[in-house]
C-alpha cells in the first residue's frame, strides 16, 4: 500500500490494525484511559524575539 494511493481513512484503519496487533503480541489489553489522561507531553517551540 503506497501513501499516495490511499486515503487518510485507509491509513488510519491500517494504523489501528497495527496498534491492536502490537498490543496483542504484548499480551496486554488495549489501554482504557481517557484522552485527557493519556500519557505524553506537549513540546512547544521557543517564542521568537
Protein backbone atom coordinates (compact mmCIF):
# COMPACT_ATOMS: atom_id res chain seq x y z
CA UNK A 1 0.00 0.00 0.00
CA UNK A 2 1.51 3.31 -1.07
CA UNK A 3 0.72 6.51 0.80
CA UNK A 4 -0.01 8.40 -2.39
CA UNK A 5 -2.56 5.76 -3.40
CA UNK A 6 -4.58 5.67 -0.16
CA UNK A 7 -6.99 7.93 1.67
CA UNK A 8 -6.40 9.27 5.17
CA UNK A 9 -9.20 6.97 6.37
CA UNK A 10 -7.43 3.92 4.93
CA UNK A 11 -4.14 4.88 6.57
CA UNK A 12 -5.82 5.40 9.96
CA UNK A 13 -7.51 1.99 9.62
CA UNK A 14 -4.16 0.32 8.94
CA UNK A 15 -2.60 2.11 11.91
CA UNK A 16 -5.39 0.83 14.14
CA UNK A 17 -4.79 -2.73 12.94
CA UNK A 18 -1.07 -2.39 13.64
CA UNK A 19 -1.67 -0.94 17.11
CA UNK A 20 -4.13 -3.71 18.02
CA UNK A 21 -1.71 -6.35 16.73
CA UNK A 22 1.11 -4.83 18.77
CA UNK A 23 -0.90 -4.89 21.99
CA UNK A 24 -2.00 -8.47 21.25
CA UNK A 25 1.62 -9.57 20.70
CA UNK A 26 2.50 -7.98 24.00
CA UNK A 27 -0.29 -9.98 25.63
CA UNK A 28 -1.86 -6.88 27.11
CA UNK A 29 -5.33 -5.39 26.73
CA UNK A 30 -5.80 -2.15 24.83
CA UNK A 31 -5.44 0.87 27.13
CA UNK A 32 -8.71 2.15 28.53
CA UNK A 33 -7.72 5.61 29.77
CA UNK A 34 -9.47 8.74 28.57
CA UNK A 35 -7.91 11.16 26.12
CA UNK A 36 -7.40 13.66 28.95
CA UNK A 37 -5.43 11.03 30.90
CA UNK A 38 -3.24 9.80 28.03
CA UNK A 39 0.46 9.85 28.81
CA UNK A 40 2.53 12.33 26.88
CA UNK A 41 3.78 15.87 26.87
CA UNK A 42 3.47 18.98 24.75
CA UNK A 43 6.70 20.46 23.43
CA UNK A 44 6.34 23.94 22.06
CA UNK A 45 8.99 25.82 20.12
CA UNK A 46 10.61 28.77 21.91
CA UNK A 47 8.95 32.12 21.35
CA UNK A 48 10.54 34.37 18.75
CA UNK A 49 12.05 37.64 19.95
